[in-house]
All heavy atoms as atom14 arrays in JSON, in Angstrom:
{
  "sequence": "AVYRARVTDPTQFDTGFTASLVSALARKFAAAFGETVTSEQQA",
  "atom14_mask": [
    [1, 1, 1, 1, 1, 0, 0, 0, 0, 0, 0, 0, 0, 0],
    [1, 1, 1, 1, 1, 1, 1, 0, 0, 0, 0, 0, 0, 0],
    [1, 1, 1, 1, 1, 1, 1, 1, 1, 1, 1, 1, 0, 0],
    [1, 1, 1, 1, 1, 1, 1, 1, 1, 1, 1, 0, 0, 0],
    [1, 1, 1, 1, 1, 0, 0, 0, 0, 0, 0, 0, 0, 0],
    [1, 1, 1, 1, 1, 1, 1, 1, 1, 1, 1, 0, 0, 0],
    [1, 1, 1, 1, 1, 1, 1, 0, 0, 0, 0, 0, 0, 0],
    [1, 1, 1, 1, 1, 1, 1, 0, 0, 0, 0, 0, 0, 0],
    [1, 1, 1, 1, 1, 1, 1, 1, 0, 0, 0, 0, 0, 0],
    [1, 1, 1, 1, 1, 1, 1, 0, 0, 0, 0, 0, 0, 0],
    [1, 1, 1, 1, 1, 1, 1, 0, 0, 0, 0, 0, 0, 0],
    [1, 1, 1, 1, 1, 1, 1, 1, 1, 0, 0, 0, 0, 0],
    [1, 1, 1, 1, 1, 1, 1, 1, 1, 1, 1, 0, 0, 0],
    [1, 1, 1, 1, 1, 1, 1, 1, 0, 0, 0, 0, 0, 0],
    [1, 1, 1, 1, 1, 1, 1, 0, 0, 0, 0, 0, 0, 0],
    [1, 1, 1, 1, 0, 0, 0, 0, 0, 0, 0, 0, 0, 0],
    [1, 1, 1, 1, 1, 1, 1, 1, 1, 1, 1, 0, 0, 0],
    [1, 1, 1, 1, 1, 1, 1, 0, 0, 0, 0, 0, 0, 0],
    [1, 1, 1, 1, 1, 0, 0, 0, 0, 0, 0, 0, 0, 0],
    [1, 1, 1, 1, 1, 1, 0, 0, 0, 0, 0, 0, 0, 0],
    [1, 1, 1, 1, 1, 1, 1, 1, 0, 0, 0, 0, 0, 0],
    [1, 1, 1, 1, 1, 1, 1, 0, 0, 0, 0, 0, 0, 0],
    [1, 1, 1, 1, 1, 1, 0, 0, 0, 0, 0, 0, 0, 0],
    [1, 1, 1, 1, 1, 0, 0, 0, 0, 0, 0, 0, 0, 0],
    [1, 1, 1, 1, 1, 1, 1, 1, 0, 0, 0, 0, 0, 0],
    [1, 1, 1, 1, 1, 0, 0, 0, 0, 0, 0, 0, 0, 0],
    [1, 1, 1, 1, 1, 1, 1, 1, 1, 1, 1, 0, 0, 0],
    [1, 1, 1, 1, 1, 1, 1, 1, 1, 0, 0, 0, 0, 0],
    [1, 1, 1, 1, 1, 1, 1, 1, 1, 1, 1, 0, 0, 0],
    [1, 1, 1, 1, 1, 0, 0, 0, 0, 0, 0, 0, 0, 0],
    [1, 1, 1, 1, 1, 0, 0, 0, 0, 0, 0, 0, 0, 0],
    [1, 1, 1, 1, 1, 0, 0, 0, 0, 0, 0, 0, 0, 0],
    [1, 1, 1, 1, 1, 1, 1, 1, 1, 1, 1, 0, 0, 0],
    [1, 1, 1, 1, 0, 0, 0, 0, 0, 0, 0, 0, 0, 0],
    [1, 1, 1, 1, 1, 1, 1, 1, 1, 0, 0, 0, 0, 0],
    [1, 1, 1, 1, 1, 1, 1, 0, 0, 0, 0, 0, 0, 0],
    [1, 1, 1, 1, 1, 1, 1, 0, 0, 0, 0, 0, 0, 0],
    [1, 1, 1, 1, 1, 1, 1, 0, 0, 0, 0, 0, 0, 0],
    [1, 1, 1, 1, 1, 1, 0, 0, 0, 0, 0, 0, 0, 0],
    [1, 1, 1, 1, 1, 1, 1, 1, 1, 0, 0, 0, 0, 0],
    [1, 1, 1, 1, 1, 1, 1, 1, 1, 0, 0, 0, 0, 0],
    [1, 1, 1, 1, 1, 1, 1, 1, 1, 0, 0, 0, 0, 0],
    [1, 1, 1, 1, 1, 0, 0, 0, 0, 0, 0, 0, 0, 0]
  ],
  "atom14_positions": [
    [[-68.14, 46.68, -25.8], [-69.38, 46.6, -26.56], [-69.39, 45.43, -27.48], [-68.37, 45.06, -28.08], [-69.55, 47.9, -27.36], [0.0, 0.0, 0.0], [0.0, 0.0, 0.0], [0.0, 0.0, 0.0], [0.0, 0.0, 0.0], [0.0, 0.0, 0.0], [0.0, 0.0, 0.0], [0.0, 0.0, 0.0], [0.0, 0.0, 0.0], [0.0, 0.0, 0.0]],
    [[-70.55, 44.76, -27.58], [-70.81, 43.73, -28.56], [-71.78, 44.31, -29.55], [-72.88, 44.71, -29.18], [-71.39, 42.45, -27.89], [-71.6, 41.37, -28.93], [-70.47, 41.97, -26.78], [0.0, 0.0, 0.0], [0.0, 0.0, 0.0], [0.0, 0.0, 0.0], [0.0, 0.0, 0.0], [0.0, 0.0, 0.0], [0.0, 0.0, 0.0], [0.0, 0.0, 0.0]],
    [[-71.4, 44.34, -30.84], [-72.25, 45.02, -31.78], [-72.06, 44.5, -33.22], [-71.11, 43.78, -33.52], [-71.99, 46.54, -31.75], [-70.61, 47.0, -32.09], [-70.26, 47.36, -33.4], [-69.64, 47.1, -31.1], [-68.97, 47.79, -33.68], [-68.35, 47.52, -31.4], [-68.04, 47.88, -32.7], [-66.77, 48.31, -33.0], [0.0, 0.0, 0.0], [0.0, 0.0, 0.0]],
    [[-73.02, 44.92, -34.08], [-72.87, 44.67, -35.49], [-72.14, 45.88, -36.1], [-72.6, 47.03, -35.95], [-74.24, 44.52, -36.17], [-75.01, 43.3, -35.71], [-76.32, 43.18, -36.53], [-77.16, 42.08, -36.01], [-78.42, 42.19, -35.77], [-79.06, 43.32, -35.97], [-79.13, 41.15, -35.32], [0.0, 0.0, 0.0], [0.0, 0.0, 0.0], [0.0, 0.0, 0.0]],
    [[-71.06, 45.62, -36.76], [-70.23, 46.68, -37.29], [-70.52, 46.98, -38.74], [-71.02, 46.1, -39.51], [-68.74, 46.3, -37.16], [0.0, 0.0, 0.0], [0.0, 0.0, 0.0], [0.0, 0.0, 0.0], [0.0, 0.0, 0.0], [0.0, 0.0, 0.0], [0.0, 0.0, 0.0], [0.0, 0.0, 0.0], [0.0, 0.0, 0.0], [0.0, 0.0, 0.0]],
    [[-70.28, 48.23, -39.16], [-70.38, 48.6, -40.57], [-69.11, 48.1, -41.27], [-68.02, 48.62, -41.08], [-70.52, 50.11, -40.69], [-70.54, 50.59, -42.15], [-70.58, 52.11, -42.24], [-71.85, 52.63, -41.75], [-72.01, 53.25, -40.58], [-70.96, 53.43, -39.74], [-73.2, 53.7, -40.19], [0.0, 0.0, 0.0], [0.0, 0.0, 0.0], [0.0, 0.0, 0.0]],
    [[-69.27, 47.1, -42.1], [-68.15, 46.54, -42.85], [-68.23, 47.06, -44.27], [-69.2, 46.82, -44.98], [-68.23, 44.98, -42.85], [-67.05, 44.4, -43.64], [-68.26, 44.46, -41.43], [0.0, 0.0, 0.0], [0.0, 0.0, 0.0], [0.0, 0.0, 0.0], [0.0, 0.0, 0.0], [0.0, 0.0, 0.0], [0.0, 0.0, 0.0], [0.0, 0.0, 0.0]],
    [[-67.21, 47.76, -44.72], [-67.18, 48.38, -46.04], [-66.3, 47.66, -47.06], [-66.41, 47.92, -48.27], [-66.72, 49.85, -45.92], [-65.4, 49.87, -45.37], [-67.65, 50.65, -45.03], [0.0, 0.0, 0.0], [0.0, 0.0, 0.0], [0.0, 0.0, 0.0], [0.0, 0.0, 0.0], [0.0, 0.0, 0.0], [0.0, 0.0, 0.0], [0.0, 0.0, 0.0]],
    [[-65.46, 46.76, -46.59], [-64.55, 46.05, -47.48], [-65.28, 44.81, -48.07], [-65.58, 43.88, -47.32], [-63.31, 45.57, -46.7], [-62.3, 44.86, -47.62], [-62.57, 44.72, -48.8], [-61.26, 44.46, -47.06], [0.0, 0.0, 0.0], [0.0, 0.0, 0.0], [0.0, 0.0, 0.0], [0.0, 0.0, 0.0], [0.0, 0.0, 0.0], [0.0, 0.0, 0.0]],
    [[-65.59, 44.79, -49.36], [-66.34, 43.67, -49.95], [-65.61, 42.34, -49.84], [-66.28, 41.28, -49.85], [-66.48, 44.07, -51.42], [-66.35, 45.57, -51.44], [-65.36, 45.89, -50.36], [0.0, 0.0, 0.0], [0.0, 0.0, 0.0], [0.0, 0.0, 0.0], [0.0, 0.0, 0.0], [0.0, 0.0, 0.0], [0.0, 0.0, 0.0], [0.0, 0.0, 0.0]],
    [[-64.28, 42.34, -49.67], [-63.59, 41.05, -49.53], [-63.89, 40.37, -48.21], [-63.61, 39.18, -48.05], [-62.08, 41.28, -49.65], [-61.6, 42.12, -48.59], [-61.69, 41.91, -50.97], [0.0, 0.0, 0.0], [0.0, 0.0, 0.0], [0.0, 0.0, 0.0], [0.0, 0.0, 0.0], [0.0, 0.0, 0.0], [0.0, 0.0, 0.0], [0.0, 0.0, 0.0]],
    [[-64.5, 41.09, -47.26], [-64.88, 40.49, -45.97], [-66.28, 39.94, -45.97], [-66.7, 39.23, -45.06], [-64.7, 41.52, -44.86], [-63.29, 42.0, -44.63], [-63.2, 42.93, -43.45], [-63.91, 42.81, -42.48], [-62.29, 43.9, -43.52], [0.0, 0.0, 0.0], [0.0, 0.0, 0.0], [0.0, 0.0, 0.0], [0.0, 0.0, 0.0], [0.0, 0.0, 0.0]],
    [[-67.09, 40.29, -47.03], [-68.44, 39.81, -47.09], [-68.48, 38.31, -47.34], [-67.63, 37.79, -48.09], [-69.24, 40.47, -48.21], [-69.34, 41.96, -48.15], [-69.68, 42.71, -49.27], [-69.11, 42.62, -46.95], [-69.79, 44.07, -49.19], [-69.21, 44.01, -46.87], [-69.55, 44.75, -48.0], [0.0, 0.0, 0.0], [0.0, 0.0, 0.0], [0.0, 0.0, 0.0]],
    [[-69.39, 37.58, -46.72], [-69.55, 36.17, -47.07], [-70.45, 36.07, -48.3], [-71.1, 37.02, -48.69], [-70.03, 35.34, -45.89], [-71.41, 35.73, -45.39], [-72.22, 36.24, -46.17], [-71.7, 35.55, -44.2], [0.0, 0.0, 0.0], [0.0, 0.0, 0.0], [0.0, 0.0, 0.0], [0.0, 0.0, 0.0], [0.0, 0.0, 0.0], [0.0, 0.0, 0.0]],
    [[-70.51, 34.88, -48.89], [-71.2, 34.73, -50.18], [-72.7, 34.99, -50.05], [-73.33, 35.53, -50.95], [-70.98, 33.32, -50.71], [-71.32, 32.35, -49.71], [-69.54, 33.12, -51.12], [0.0, 0.0, 0.0], [0.0, 0.0, 0.0], [0.0, 0.0, 0.0], [0.0, 0.0, 0.0], [0.0, 0.0, 0.0], [0.0, 0.0, 0.0], [0.0, 0.0, 0.0]],
    [[-73.27, 34.59, -48.92], [-74.73, 34.82, -48.71], [-75.05, 36.31, -48.64], [-76.05, 36.76, -49.19], [0.0, 0.0, 0.0], [0.0, 0.0, 0.0], [0.0, 0.0, 0.0], [0.0, 0.0, 0.0], [0.0, 0.0, 0.0], [0.0, 0.0, 0.0], [0.0, 0.0, 0.0], [0.0, 0.0, 0.0], [0.0, 0.0, 0.0], [0.0, 0.0, 0.0]],
    [[-74.2, 37.05, -47.96], [-74.44, 38.5, -47.85], [-74.27, 39.16, -49.21], [-75.06, 40.01, -49.61], [-73.46, 39.14, -46.84], [-73.67, 40.63, -46.72], [-74.63, 41.18, -45.91], [-72.84, 41.53, -47.44], [-74.81, 42.54, -45.79], [-73.0, 42.88, -47.33], [-73.99, 43.38, -46.5], [0.0, 0.0, 0.0], [0.0, 0.0, 0.0], [0.0, 0.0, 0.0]],
    [[-73.24, 38.78, -49.96], [-73.02, 39.34, -51.29], [-74.19, 39.11, -52.2], [-74.67, 40.0, -52.91], [-71.74, 38.78, -51.92], [-70.63, 39.09, -51.1], [-71.48, 39.38, -53.3], [0.0, 0.0, 0.0], [0.0, 0.0, 0.0], [0.0, 0.0, 0.0], [0.0, 0.0, 0.0], [0.0, 0.0, 0.0], [0.0, 0.0, 0.0], [0.0, 0.0, 0.0]],
    [[-74.72, 37.88, -52.19], [-75.86, 37.56, -53.04], [-77.1, 38.36, -52.64], [-77.84, 38.87, -53.51], [-76.19, 36.06, -52.93], [0.0, 0.0, 0.0], [0.0, 0.0, 0.0], [0.0, 0.0, 0.0], [0.0, 0.0, 0.0], [0.0, 0.0, 0.0], [0.0, 0.0, 0.0], [0.0, 0.0, 0.0], [0.0, 0.0, 0.0], [0.0, 0.0, 0.0]],
    [[-77.3, 38.54, -51.34], [-78.44, 39.33, -50.85], [-78.3, 40.82, -51.24], [-79.28, 41.46, -51.62], [-78.6, 39.19, -49.35], [-78.85, 37.85, -48.97], [0.0, 0.0, 0.0], [0.0, 0.0, 0.0], [0.0, 0.0, 0.0], [0.0, 0.0, 0.0], [0.0, 0.0, 0.0], [0.0, 0.0, 0.0], [0.0, 0.0, 0.0], [0.0, 0.0, 0.0]],
    [[-77.06, 41.32, -51.13], [-76.79, 42.72, -51.49], [-77.01, 42.95, -52.99], [-77.6, 43.96, -53.39], [-75.39, 43.1, -51.09], [-74.95, 44.54, -51.39], [-75.88, 45.55, -50.77], [-73.52, 44.78, -50.87], [0.0, 0.0, 0.0], [0.0, 0.0, 0.0], [0.0, 0.0, 0.0], [0.0, 0.0, 0.0], [0.0, 0.0, 0.0], [0.0, 0.0, 0.0]],
    [[-76.54, 42.02, -53.82], [-76.75, 42.11, -55.25], [-78.25, 42.15, -55.62], [-78.71, 42.99, -56.39], [-76.06, 40.96, -56.01], [-76.49, 40.89, -57.47], [-74.55, 41.13, -55.95], [0.0, 0.0, 0.0], [0.0, 0.0, 0.0], [0.0, 0.0, 0.0], [0.0, 0.0, 0.0], [0.0, 0.0, 0.0], [0.0, 0.0, 0.0], [0.0, 0.0, 0.0]],
    [[-79.01, 41.28, -55.01], [-80.45, 41.22, -55.26], [-81.17, 42.48, -54.79], [-82.03, 43.0, -55.51], [-81.06, 39.99, -54.57], [-80.53, 38.79, -55.13], [0.0, 0.0, 0.0], [0.0, 0.0, 0.0], [0.0, 0.0, 0.0], [0.0, 0.0, 0.0], [0.0, 0.0, 0.0], [0.0, 0.0, 0.0], [0.0, 0.0, 0.0], [0.0, 0.0, 0.0]],
    [[-80.79, 42.96, -53.62], [-81.42, 44.2, -53.1], [-81.09, 45.39, -53.98], [-81.96, 46.21, -54.27], [-80.95, 44.44, -51.67], [0.0, 0.0, 0.0], [0.0, 0.0, 0.0], [0.0, 0.0, 0.0], [0.0, 0.0, 0.0], [0.0, 0.0, 0.0], [0.0, 0.0, 0.0], [0.0, 0.0, 0.0], [0.0, 0.0, 0.0], [0.0, 0.0, 0.0]],
    [[-79.85, 45.5, -54.43], [-79.47, 46.58, -55.32], [-80.16, 46.45, -56.68], [-80.6, 47.47, -57.24], [-77.94, 46.6, -55.53], [-77.11, 47.18, -54.41], [-75.62, 46.95, -54.67], [-77.35, 48.69, -54.27], [0.0, 0.0, 0.0], [0.0, 0.0, 0.0], [0.0, 0.0, 0.0], [0.0, 0.0, 0.0], [0.0, 0.0, 0.0], [0.0, 0.0, 0.0]],
    [[-80.29, 45.25, -57.19], [-80.94, 45.05, -58.47], [-82.35, 45.52, -58.46], [-82.83, 46.16, -59.41], [-80.89, 43.57, -58.86], [0.0, 0.0, 0.0], [0.0, 0.0, 0.0], [0.0, 0.0, 0.0], [0.0, 0.0, 0.0], [0.0, 0.0, 0.0], [0.0, 0.0, 0.0], [0.0, 0.0, 0.0], [0.0, 0.0, 0.0], [0.0, 0.0, 0.0]],
    [[-83.07, 45.25, -57.37], [-84.47, 45.72, -57.26], [-84.53, 47.25, -57.24], [-85.41, 47.86, -57.87], [-85.11, 45.15, -55.99], [-85.35, 43.66, -56.04], [-86.22, 43.23, -54.87], [-85.59, 43.4, -53.6], [-84.82, 42.49, -53.01], [-84.57, 41.33, -53.61], [-84.28, 42.69, -51.83], [0.0, 0.0, 0.0], [0.0, 0.0, 0.0], [0.0, 0.0, 0.0]],
    [[-83.63, 47.87, -56.52], [-83.56, 49.33, -56.48], [-83.15, 49.93, -57.84], [-83.67, 50.97, -58.28], [-82.65, 49.83, -55.37], [-83.18, 49.5, -53.96], [-82.34, 50.12, -52.9], [-82.91, 49.86, -51.52], [-82.11, 50.5, -50.44], [0.0, 0.0, 0.0], [0.0, 0.0, 0.0], [0.0, 0.0, 0.0], [0.0, 0.0, 0.0], [0.0, 0.0, 0.0]],
    [[-82.2, 49.26, -58.5], [-81.78, 49.76, -59.82], [-82.92, 49.65, -60.81], [-83.12, 50.55, -61.63], [-80.57, 48.92, -60.33], [-79.27, 49.2, -59.66], [-78.21, 48.36, -59.81], [-79.11, 50.36, -58.89], [-76.99, 48.62, -59.18], [-77.92, 50.65, -58.28], [-76.84, 49.76, -58.42], [0.0, 0.0, 0.0], [0.0, 0.0, 0.0], [0.0, 0.0, 0.0]],
    [[-83.68, 48.58, -60.76], [-84.78, 48.4, -61.68], [-85.82, 49.5, -61.5], [-86.36, 50.06, -62.52], [-85.46, 47.03, -61.46], [0.0, 0.0, 0.0], [0.0, 0.0, 0.0], [0.0, 0.0, 0.0], [0.0, 0.0, 0.0], [0.0, 0.0, 0.0], [0.0, 0.0, 0.0], [0.0, 0.0, 0.0], [0.0, 0.0, 0.0], [0.0, 0.0, 0.0]],
    [[-86.07, 49.9, -60.23], [-87.01, 51.0, -59.99], [-86.4, 52.34, -60.39], [-87.1, 53.16, -61.01], [-87.38, 51.01, -58.5], [0.0, 0.0, 0.0], [0.0, 0.0, 0.0], [0.0, 0.0, 0.0], [0.0, 0.0, 0.0], [0.0, 0.0, 0.0], [0.0, 0.0, 0.0], [0.0, 0.0, 0.0], [0.0, 0.0, 0.0], [0.0, 0.0, 0.0]],
    [[-85.11, 52.55, -60.1], [-84.47, 53.82, -60.38], [-84.33, 54.06, -61.9], [-84.51, 55.19, -62.38], [-83.09, 53.89, -59.73], [0.0, 0.0, 0.0], [0.0, 0.0, 0.0], [0.0, 0.0, 0.0], [0.0, 0.0, 0.0], [0.0, 0.0, 0.0], [0.0, 0.0, 0.0], [0.0, 0.0, 0.0], [0.0, 0.0, 0.0], [0.0, 0.0, 0.0]],
    [[-84.01, 52.98, -62.64], [-83.81, 53.14, -64.06], [-85.09, 52.95, -64.88], [-85.1, 53.17, -66.07], [-82.79, 52.1, -64.56], [-81.39, 52.37, -64.15], [-80.71, 51.48, -63.31], [-80.76, 53.51, -64.6], [-79.4, 51.78, -62.92], [-79.43, 53.78, -64.2], [-78.77, 52.88, -63.35], [0.0, 0.0, 0.0], [0.0, 0.0, 0.0], [0.0, 0.0, 0.0]],
    [[-86.19, 52.61, -64.22], [-87.43, 52.4, -64.94], [-87.91, 53.6, -65.73], [-88.27, 53.51, -66.89], [0.0, 0.0, 0.0], [0.0, 0.0, 0.0], [0.0, 0.0, 0.0], [0.0, 0.0, 0.0], [0.0, 0.0, 0.0], [0.0, 0.0, 0.0], [0.0, 0.0, 0.0], [0.0, 0.0, 0.0], [0.0, 0.0, 0.0], [0.0, 0.0, 0.0]],
    [[-87.85, 54.77, -65.09], [-88.27, 56.0, -65.77], [-87.35, 56.31, -66.91], [-87.77, 56.79, -67.97], [-88.32, 57.14, -64.75], [-88.83, 58.45, -65.33], [-88.94, 59.54, -64.3], [-88.88, 59.21, -63.08], [-89.08, 60.7, -64.67], [0.0, 0.0, 0.0], [0.0, 0.0, 0.0], [0.0, 0.0, 0.0], [0.0, 0.0, 0.0], [0.0, 0.0, 0.0]],
    [[-86.04, 56.1, -66.7], [-85.08, 56.34, -67.75], [-85.3, 55.46, -68.95], [-85.24, 55.9, -70.13], [-83.64, 56.15, -67.21], [-83.43, 56.99, -66.11], [-82.61, 56.45, -68.28], [0.0, 0.0, 0.0], [0.0, 0.0, 0.0], [0.0, 0.0, 0.0], [0.0, 0.0, 0.0], [0.0, 0.0, 0.0], [0.0, 0.0, 0.0], [0.0, 0.0, 0.0]],
    [[-85.58, 54.17, -68.7], [-85.84, 53.24, -69.8], [-87.04, 53.65, -70.59], [-87.06, 53.65, -71.83], [-86.0, 51.8, -69.23], [-86.48, 50.86, -70.31], [-84.7, 51.31, -68.61], [0.0, 0.0, 0.0], [0.0, 0.0, 0.0], [0.0, 0.0, 0.0], [0.0, 0.0, 0.0], [0.0, 0.0, 0.0], [0.0, 0.0, 0.0], [0.0, 0.0, 0.0]],
    [[-88.09, 54.06, -69.85], [-89.34, 54.51, -70.55], [-89.06, 55.69, -71.42], [-89.53, 55.79, -72.54], [-90.43, 54.82, -69.51], [-90.68, 53.67, -68.75], [-91.69, 55.25, -70.21], [0.0, 0.0, 0.0], [0.0, 0.0, 0.0], [0.0, 0.0, 0.0], [0.0, 0.0, 0.0], [0.0, 0.0, 0.0], [0.0, 0.0, 0.0], [0.0, 0.0, 0.0]],
    [[-88.29, 56.67, -70.91], [-87.96, 57.87, -71.67], [-87.15, 57.51, -72.92], [-87.39, 58.07, -74.02], [-87.18, 58.87, -70.79], [-87.96, 59.25, -69.69], [0.0, 0.0, 0.0], [0.0, 0.0, 0.0], [0.0, 0.0, 0.0], [0.0, 0.0, 0.0], [0.0, 0.0, 0.0], [0.0, 0.0, 0.0], [0.0, 0.0, 0.0], [0.0, 0.0, 0.0]],
    [[-86.21, 56.59, -72.76], [-85.38, 56.17, -73.89], [-86.24, 55.48, -74.98], [-86.04, 55.7, -76.16], [-84.27, 55.23, -73.44], [-83.21, 55.94, -72.59], [-82.19, 54.96, -72.03], [-82.43, 53.74, -72.15], [-81.17, 55.42, -71.46], [0.0, 0.0, 0.0], [0.0, 0.0, 0.0], [0.0, 0.0, 0.0], [0.0, 0.0, 0.0], [0.0, 0.0, 0.0]],
    [[-87.18, 54.65, -74.53], [-88.07, 53.97, -75.49], [-88.94, 54.96, -76.2], [-89.16, 54.86, -77.41], [-88.93, 52.95, -74.73], [-88.14, 51.72, -74.21], [-89.01, 50.81, -73.39], [-90.08, 51.21, -72.9], [-88.53, 49.59, -73.19], [0.0, 0.0, 0.0], [0.0, 0.0, 0.0], [0.0, 0.0, 0.0], [0.0, 0.0, 0.0], [0.0, 0.0, 0.0]],
    [[-89.47, 55.94, -75.47], [-90.31, 56.97, -76.09], [-89.52, 57.76, -77.11], [-90.05, 58.09, -78.19], [-90.92, 57.89, -75.03], [-91.94, 57.24, -74.13], [-92.42, 58.12, -73.03], [-91.78, 59.16, -72.7], [-93.52, 57.77, -72.37], [0.0, 0.0, 0.0], [0.0, 0.0, 0.0], [0.0, 0.0, 0.0], [0.0, 0.0, 0.0], [0.0, 0.0, 0.0]],
    [[-88.25, 58.11, -76.76], [-87.43, 58.88, -77.73], [-87.15, 58.02, -78.96], [-87.18, 58.58, -80.09], [-86.13, 59.25, -77.02], [0.0, 0.0, 0.0], [0.0, 0.0, 0.0], [0.0, 0.0, 0.0], [0.0, 0.0, 0.0], [0.0, 0.0, 0.0], [0.0, 0.0, 0.0], [0.0, 0.0, 0.0], [0.0, 0.0, 0.0], [0.0, 0.0, 0.0]]
  ]
}
């Protein structure tokens, strides 16, 4: 089989993939923490 494998070891990631993963996570974190930030500000 020729396939794209699930790579879990971050030391195998290339720099472009790491940068893309950081940006994708940051967008999701901003959305996930948005409600929490609002609640903290209200408190």
